[in-house]
Amino acid sequence: MIVVSIIPFQNVLAVDVPLKPGDTGGGSIGGNALLSSYSLKTTSLKTSSLKTTSIIPVTASLNGTELALYFGSPVGVAQITIEDQYGAIVYQDAIDTNSTAELLIATDGWASGNYTVKIAYGKTSLSGTFLLY
């Protein structure tokens, strides 16, 4: 009975980590409040002056003591890097999204502060920042 009541409570505490194209440090979150956001749609300009819209198939959320990355569609091998506020790499891994759609990264042993998650696959690079208390 306790497990049934805990699961919905954990979902309330989940916070989206906005991802932004490029590796300049995307949107950021703090605690349970979204500080800034970025639409997961990107627009690119083709040489024929026609605009196309693509949807980034990756979502990230901070769920208590873990960062969850979910790939809504396979993108091949994705490189995941997380840096602390000083630029030190605290986590690095590669995930084959053709066989695994979700990656859970434990953050409970990390110090408080700002972190940047960087995701790269093919010619796409995404980043987002989050705050641990």
N, C-alpha and C. Protein backbone atom coordinates (compact mmCIF):
# COMPACT_ATOMS: atom_id res chain seq x y z
N MET A 1 0.82 -1.18 0.00
CA MET A 1 0.00 0.00 0.00
C MET A 1 0.87 1.26 0.00
N ILE A 2 1.97 1.22 0.75
CA ILE A 2 2.86 2.39 0.82
C ILE A 2 3.50 2.64 -0.54
N VAL A 3 3.92 1.59 -1.23
CA VAL A 3 4.55 1.74 -2.55
C VAL A 3 3.58 2.40 -3.52
N VAL A 4 2.33 2.04 -3.47
CA VAL A 4 1.33 2.62 -4.37
C VAL A 4 1.18 4.11 -4.12
N SER A 5 1.28 4.56 -2.88
CA SER A 5 1.14 5.98 -2.60
C SER A 5 2.41 6.76 -2.86
N ILE A 6 3.58 6.10 -2.85
CA ILE A 6 4.85 6.80 -3.09
C ILE A 6 5.06 7.09 -4.56
N ILE A 7 4.69 6.17 -5.43
CA ILE A 7 4.93 6.34 -6.87
C ILE A 7 4.30 7.61 -7.42
N PRO A 8 3.01 7.91 -7.15
CA PRO A 8 2.45 9.17 -7.66
C PRO A 8 3.14 10.39 -7.06
N PHE A 9 3.60 10.31 -5.81
CA PHE A 9 4.29 11.44 -5.17
C PHE A 9 5.62 11.73 -5.86
N GLN A 10 6.35 10.68 -6.26
CA GLN A 10 7.62 10.88 -6.95
C GLN A 10 7.41 11.55 -8.29
N ASN A 11 6.33 11.23 -8.98
CA ASN A 11 6.06 11.86 -10.27
C ASN A 11 5.77 13.35 -10.12
N VAL A 12 5.21 13.76 -8.99
CA VAL A 12 4.95 15.18 -8.73
C VAL A 12 6.27 15.93 -8.60
N LEU A 13 7.29 15.27 -8.04
CA LEU A 13 8.58 15.91 -7.82
C LEU A 13 9.47 15.92 -9.06
N ALA A 14 9.09 15.23 -10.11
CA ALA A 14 9.88 15.20 -11.32
C ALA A 14 9.88 16.57 -11.99
N VAL A 15 11.05 16.99 -12.46
CA VAL A 15 11.19 18.29 -13.10
C VAL A 15 11.84 18.09 -14.46
N ASP A 16 11.25 18.65 -15.50
CA ASP A 16 11.83 18.55 -16.84
C ASP A 16 13.11 19.34 -16.92
N VAL A 17 14.08 18.80 -17.63
CA VAL A 17 15.32 19.50 -17.93
C VAL A 17 15.24 19.90 -19.39
N PRO A 18 14.99 21.18 -19.69
CA PRO A 18 14.88 21.60 -21.09
C PRO A 18 16.19 21.39 -21.83
N LEU A 19 16.11 20.81 -23.01
CA LEU A 19 17.28 20.59 -23.85
C LEU A 19 17.25 21.57 -24.99
N LYS A 20 18.41 22.03 -25.36
CA LYS A 20 18.53 23.04 -26.40
C LYS A 20 19.61 22.60 -27.38
N PRO A 21 19.42 22.83 -28.68
CA PRO A 21 20.47 22.48 -29.64
C PRO A 21 21.77 23.20 -29.31
N GLY A 22 22.87 22.51 -29.56
CA GLY A 22 24.19 23.08 -29.31
C GLY A 22 24.67 22.68 -27.94
N ASP A 23 25.90 23.04 -27.62
CA ASP A 23 26.45 22.66 -26.32
C ASP A 23 26.83 23.89 -25.52
N THR A 24 26.02 24.92 -25.60
CA THR A 24 26.31 26.15 -24.90
C THR A 24 25.61 26.24 -23.56
N GLY A 25 25.01 25.14 -23.11
CA GLY A 25 24.27 25.17 -21.85
C GLY A 25 22.86 25.63 -22.12
N GLY A 26 21.96 24.72 -22.25
CA GLY A 26 20.58 25.03 -22.64
C GLY A 26 19.77 25.64 -21.53
N GLY A 27 18.50 25.32 -21.51
CA GLY A 27 17.61 25.81 -20.48
C GLY A 27 18.05 25.31 -19.13
N SER A 28 17.49 25.85 -18.07
CA SER A 28 17.92 25.43 -16.74
C SER A 28 16.74 25.23 -15.83
N ILE A 29 16.95 24.44 -14.80
CA ILE A 29 15.92 24.22 -13.81
C ILE A 29 16.52 24.40 -12.44
N GLY A 30 15.70 24.65 -11.48
CA GLY A 30 16.17 24.74 -10.10
C GLY A 30 15.08 24.23 -9.19
N GLY A 31 15.44 23.31 -8.30
CA GLY A 31 14.45 22.75 -7.41
C GLY A 31 13.32 22.13 -8.19
N ASN A 32 12.10 22.50 -7.90
CA ASN A 32 10.95 21.97 -8.62
C ASN A 32 10.30 23.03 -9.50
N ALA A 33 10.99 24.14 -9.74
CA ALA A 33 10.42 25.21 -10.56
C ALA A 33 11.21 25.34 -11.85
N LEU A 34 10.53 25.40 -12.95
CA LEU A 34 11.17 25.56 -14.24
C LEU A 34 11.57 27.03 -14.40
N LEU A 35 12.87 27.28 -14.56
CA LEU A 35 13.35 28.65 -14.68
C LEU A 35 13.28 29.15 -16.11
N SER A 36 13.56 28.28 -17.05
CA SER A 36 13.44 28.65 -18.45
C SER A 36 13.12 27.41 -19.24
N SER A 37 12.57 27.60 -20.41
CA SER A 37 12.21 26.43 -21.20
C SER A 37 12.57 26.66 -22.66
N TYR A 38 12.58 25.58 -23.40
CA TYR A 38 12.90 25.64 -24.82
C TYR A 38 12.02 24.62 -25.51
N SER A 39 11.36 25.02 -26.55
CA SER A 39 10.52 24.09 -27.29
C SER A 39 11.38 23.00 -27.90
N LEU A 40 10.88 21.78 -27.89
CA LEU A 40 11.64 20.68 -28.45
C LEU A 40 11.53 20.61 -29.97
N LYS A 41 11.03 21.67 -30.58
CA LYS A 41 11.01 21.76 -32.04
C LYS A 41 12.14 22.68 -32.47
N THR A 42 12.81 22.32 -33.53
CA THR A 42 13.84 23.19 -34.07
C THR A 42 13.49 23.48 -35.53
N THR A 43 13.88 24.63 -35.98
CA THR A 43 13.62 25.01 -37.37
C THR A 43 14.96 25.21 -38.07
N SER A 44 15.10 24.62 -39.22
CA SER A 44 16.33 24.79 -39.98
C SER A 44 15.98 25.36 -41.35
N LEU A 45 16.91 26.08 -41.92
CA LEU A 45 16.69 26.72 -43.21
C LEU A 45 17.44 25.92 -44.27
N LYS A 46 16.73 25.47 -45.28
CA LYS A 46 17.35 24.75 -46.38
C LYS A 46 17.77 25.75 -47.45
N THR A 47 18.60 25.30 -48.38
CA THR A 47 19.09 26.19 -49.43
C THR A 47 17.96 26.68 -50.33
N SER A 48 16.85 25.95 -50.39
CA SER A 48 15.75 26.38 -51.24
C SER A 48 14.83 27.38 -50.52
N SER A 49 15.26 27.87 -49.37
CA SER A 49 14.52 28.82 -48.56
C SER A 49 13.22 28.25 -47.98
N LEU A 50 13.09 26.93 -47.96
CA LEU A 50 11.94 26.30 -47.32
C LEU A 50 12.33 25.93 -45.89
N LYS A 51 11.48 26.25 -44.96
CA LYS A 51 11.74 25.90 -43.58
C LYS A 51 11.18 24.53 -43.28
N THR A 52 11.94 23.75 -42.53
CA THR A 52 11.46 22.44 -42.09
C THR A 52 11.51 22.41 -40.58
N THR A 53 10.62 21.67 -40.00
CA THR A 53 10.59 21.54 -38.55
C THR A 53 10.87 20.10 -38.18
N SER A 54 11.77 19.91 -37.24
CA SER A 54 12.05 18.57 -36.75
C SER A 54 11.85 18.54 -35.24
N ILE A 55 11.49 17.40 -34.74
CA ILE A 55 11.28 17.25 -33.31
C ILE A 55 12.46 16.49 -32.72
N ILE A 56 13.01 17.02 -31.65
CA ILE A 56 14.12 16.37 -30.97
C ILE A 56 13.55 15.19 -30.19
N PRO A 57 14.02 13.98 -30.45
CA PRO A 57 13.41 12.80 -29.83
C PRO A 57 13.93 12.48 -28.43
N VAL A 58 14.48 13.46 -27.73
CA VAL A 58 15.06 13.21 -26.41
C VAL A 58 14.38 14.10 -25.38
N THR A 59 14.03 13.52 -24.24
CA THR A 59 13.54 14.31 -23.11
C THR A 59 14.39 13.96 -21.90
N ALA A 60 14.53 14.92 -21.01
CA ALA A 60 15.31 14.72 -19.78
C ALA A 60 14.50 15.27 -18.62
N SER A 61 14.54 14.55 -17.51
CA SER A 61 13.86 15.03 -16.31
C SER A 61 14.64 14.61 -15.08
N LEU A 62 14.57 15.44 -14.07
CA LEU A 62 15.23 15.18 -12.80
C LEU A 62 14.17 14.65 -11.85
N ASN A 63 14.33 13.40 -11.43
CA ASN A 63 13.37 12.72 -10.56
C ASN A 63 14.02 12.43 -9.22
N GLY A 64 13.95 13.36 -8.30
CA GLY A 64 14.56 13.14 -6.99
C GLY A 64 16.05 12.99 -7.08
N THR A 65 16.55 11.74 -7.00
CA THR A 65 17.99 11.51 -7.00
C THR A 65 18.50 10.88 -8.28
N GLU A 66 17.74 11.05 -9.38
CA GLU A 66 18.24 10.54 -10.65
C GLU A 66 17.80 11.41 -11.82
N LEU A 67 18.65 11.45 -12.82
CA LEU A 67 18.35 12.15 -14.06
C LEU A 67 17.91 11.08 -15.05
N ALA A 68 16.73 11.25 -15.63
CA ALA A 68 16.19 10.29 -16.58
C ALA A 68 16.24 10.88 -17.98
N LEU A 69 16.87 10.16 -18.90
CA LEU A 69 16.91 10.54 -20.30
C LEU A 69 16.07 9.52 -21.06
N TYR A 70 15.15 10.02 -21.88
CA TYR A 70 14.28 9.13 -22.64
C TYR A 70 14.37 9.49 -24.12
N PHE A 71 14.63 8.49 -24.94
CA PHE A 71 14.71 8.67 -26.38
C PHE A 71 13.41 8.15 -26.98
N GLY A 72 12.55 9.06 -27.44
CA GLY A 72 11.25 8.70 -27.99
C GLY A 72 11.33 7.94 -29.29
N SER A 73 12.43 8.07 -30.00
CA SER A 73 12.67 7.29 -31.21
C SER A 73 14.17 7.02 -31.30
N PRO A 74 14.56 5.91 -31.91
CA PRO A 74 15.98 5.57 -31.98
C PRO A 74 16.77 6.57 -32.82
N VAL A 75 17.95 6.92 -32.31
CA VAL A 75 18.84 7.84 -33.04
C VAL A 75 20.23 7.22 -33.21
N GLY A 76 20.36 5.94 -32.91
CA GLY A 76 21.66 5.28 -32.97
C GLY A 76 22.39 5.44 -31.65
N VAL A 77 23.71 5.51 -31.71
CA VAL A 77 24.50 5.65 -30.48
C VAL A 77 24.54 7.12 -30.08
N ALA A 78 24.18 7.38 -28.83
CA ALA A 78 24.21 8.75 -28.30
C ALA A 78 25.26 8.83 -27.20
N GLN A 79 26.07 9.87 -27.26
CA GLN A 79 27.08 10.13 -26.24
C GLN A 79 26.48 11.04 -25.17
N ILE A 80 26.57 10.65 -23.91
CA ILE A 80 26.01 11.43 -22.80
C ILE A 80 27.17 11.88 -21.92
N THR A 81 27.25 13.18 -21.68
CA THR A 81 28.27 13.74 -20.80
C THR A 81 27.59 14.71 -19.83
N ILE A 82 27.94 14.61 -18.57
CA ILE A 82 27.43 15.55 -17.57
C ILE A 82 28.63 16.19 -16.89
N GLU A 83 28.62 17.54 -16.86
CA GLU A 83 29.69 18.31 -16.25
C GLU A 83 29.15 19.08 -15.06
N ASP A 84 30.01 19.26 -14.05
CA ASP A 84 29.60 20.09 -12.92
C ASP A 84 29.82 21.56 -13.26
N GLN A 85 29.55 22.45 -12.32
CA GLN A 85 29.64 23.88 -12.59
C GLN A 85 31.06 24.37 -12.87
N TYR A 86 32.05 23.52 -12.58
CA TYR A 86 33.44 23.89 -12.84
C TYR A 86 33.97 23.29 -14.13
N GLY A 87 33.12 22.55 -14.84
CA GLY A 87 33.52 21.95 -16.11
C GLY A 87 34.10 20.55 -15.97
N ALA A 88 34.15 20.02 -14.76
CA ALA A 88 34.65 18.66 -14.56
C ALA A 88 33.59 17.65 -14.96
N ILE A 89 33.98 16.61 -15.68
CA ILE A 89 33.05 15.58 -16.10
C ILE A 89 32.75 14.67 -14.91
N VAL A 90 31.45 14.58 -14.56
CA VAL A 90 31.03 13.72 -13.45
C VAL A 90 30.37 12.44 -13.95
N TYR A 91 30.00 12.42 -15.23
CA TYR A 91 29.38 11.23 -15.81
C TYR A 91 29.61 11.26 -17.31
N GLN A 92 29.93 10.09 -17.86
CA GLN A 92 30.08 9.98 -19.31
C GLN A 92 29.75 8.55 -19.72
N ASP A 93 28.94 8.41 -20.76
CA ASP A 93 28.54 7.09 -21.21
C ASP A 93 28.02 7.20 -22.64
N ALA A 94 27.91 6.06 -23.29
CA ALA A 94 27.29 5.98 -24.61
C ALA A 94 26.12 5.02 -24.50
N ILE A 95 25.02 5.34 -25.17
CA ILE A 95 23.83 4.50 -25.13
C ILE A 95 23.40 4.22 -26.57
N ASP A 96 23.12 2.95 -26.85
CA ASP A 96 22.61 2.56 -28.16
C ASP A 96 21.09 2.65 -28.10
N THR A 97 20.55 3.71 -28.65
CA THR A 97 19.10 3.95 -28.57
C THR A 97 18.29 3.00 -29.44
N ASN A 98 18.96 2.22 -30.28
CA ASN A 98 18.25 1.21 -31.06
C ASN A 98 17.80 0.05 -30.16
N SER A 99 18.50 -0.15 -29.03
CA SER A 99 18.14 -1.24 -28.13
C SER A 99 17.69 -0.76 -26.75
N THR A 100 18.03 0.46 -26.38
CA THR A 100 17.66 1.00 -25.07
C THR A 100 17.11 2.41 -25.25
N ALA A 101 15.89 2.63 -24.78
CA ALA A 101 15.24 3.93 -24.97
C ALA A 101 15.39 4.85 -23.77
N GLU A 102 15.78 4.31 -22.61
CA GLU A 102 15.83 5.13 -21.39
C GLU A 102 17.14 4.90 -20.65
N LEU A 103 17.67 5.98 -20.10
CA LEU A 103 18.87 5.92 -19.29
C LEU A 103 18.61 6.65 -17.99
N LEU A 104 18.83 5.97 -16.86
CA LEU A 104 18.66 6.56 -15.54
C LEU A 104 20.04 6.75 -14.93
N ILE A 105 20.33 7.99 -14.53
CA ILE A 105 21.64 8.34 -13.99
C ILE A 105 21.46 8.78 -12.54
N ALA A 106 22.06 8.04 -11.62
CA ALA A 106 21.97 8.37 -10.19
C ALA A 106 22.76 9.64 -9.90
N THR A 107 22.13 10.60 -9.20
CA THR A 107 22.79 11.86 -8.86
C THR A 107 22.94 12.03 -7.35
N ASP A 108 22.53 11.03 -6.58
CA ASP A 108 22.51 11.18 -5.13
C ASP A 108 23.90 11.34 -4.50
N GLY A 109 24.96 10.93 -5.17
CA GLY A 109 26.30 11.09 -4.63
C GLY A 109 27.00 12.37 -5.09
N TRP A 110 26.32 13.18 -5.87
CA TRP A 110 26.92 14.40 -6.41
C TRP A 110 26.72 15.57 -5.45
N ALA A 111 27.65 16.50 -5.48
CA ALA A 111 27.57 17.71 -4.64
C ALA A 111 26.47 18.64 -5.16
N SER A 112 26.00 19.52 -4.31
CA SER A 112 25.03 20.54 -4.71
C SER A 112 25.67 21.47 -5.73
N GLY A 113 24.88 21.95 -6.66
CA GLY A 113 25.39 22.90 -7.64
C GLY A 113 24.73 22.73 -9.00
N ASN A 114 25.22 23.50 -9.96
CA ASN A 114 24.70 23.47 -11.32
C ASN A 114 25.44 22.41 -12.14
N TYR A 115 24.69 21.71 -12.97
CA TYR A 115 25.24 20.68 -13.83
C TYR A 115 24.73 20.88 -15.24
N THR A 116 25.53 20.48 -16.23
CA THR A 116 25.14 20.55 -17.63
C THR A 116 25.17 19.16 -18.22
N VAL A 117 24.05 18.76 -18.82
CA VAL A 117 24.00 17.48 -19.51
C VAL A 117 24.15 17.77 -21.00
N LYS A 118 25.02 17.01 -21.65
CA LYS A 118 25.25 17.15 -23.09
C LYS A 118 24.96 15.82 -23.75
N ILE A 119 24.17 15.86 -24.81
CA ILE A 119 23.79 14.67 -25.54
C ILE A 119 24.17 14.88 -27.00
N ALA A 120 24.92 13.95 -27.58
CA ALA A 120 25.34 14.08 -28.97
C ALA A 120 25.08 12.78 -29.71
N TYR A 121 24.47 12.90 -30.89
CA TYR A 121 24.26 11.75 -31.77
C TYR A 121 24.22 12.26 -33.19
N GLY A 122 24.82 11.51 -34.10
CA GLY A 122 24.89 11.95 -35.50
C GLY A 122 25.48 13.35 -35.58
N LYS A 123 24.78 14.25 -36.25
CA LYS A 123 25.21 15.64 -36.36
C LYS A 123 24.49 16.53 -35.37
N THR A 124 23.78 15.93 -34.42
CA THR A 124 22.98 16.69 -33.45
C THR A 124 23.69 16.72 -32.10
N SER A 125 23.69 17.90 -31.49
CA SER A 125 24.18 18.03 -30.11
C SER A 125 23.16 18.86 -29.34
N LEU A 126 22.85 18.40 -28.13
CA LEU A 126 21.87 19.05 -27.27
C LEU A 126 22.49 19.28 -25.91
N SER A 127 21.99 20.27 -25.18
CA SER A 127 22.46 20.47 -23.82
C SER A 127 21.36 21.08 -22.97
N GLY A 128 21.47 20.87 -21.70
CA GLY A 128 20.53 21.45 -20.74
C GLY A 128 21.21 21.53 -19.38
N THR A 129 20.79 22.45 -18.56
CA THR A 129 21.38 22.58 -17.23
C THR A 129 20.34 22.31 -16.16
N PHE A 130 20.82 21.82 -15.02
CA PHE A 130 19.94 21.57 -13.89
C PHE A 130 20.70 21.84 -12.61
N LEU A 131 19.95 22.06 -11.55
CA LEU A 131 20.50 22.42 -10.25
C LEU A 131 20.18 21.34 -9.23
N LEU A 132 21.20 20.89 -8.53
CA LEU A 132 21.01 19.95 -7.43
C LEU A 132 21.19 20.69 -6.13
N TYR A 133 20.30 20.42 -5.18
CA TYR A 133 20.40 21.04 -3.86
C TYR A 133 21.08 20.12 -2.89
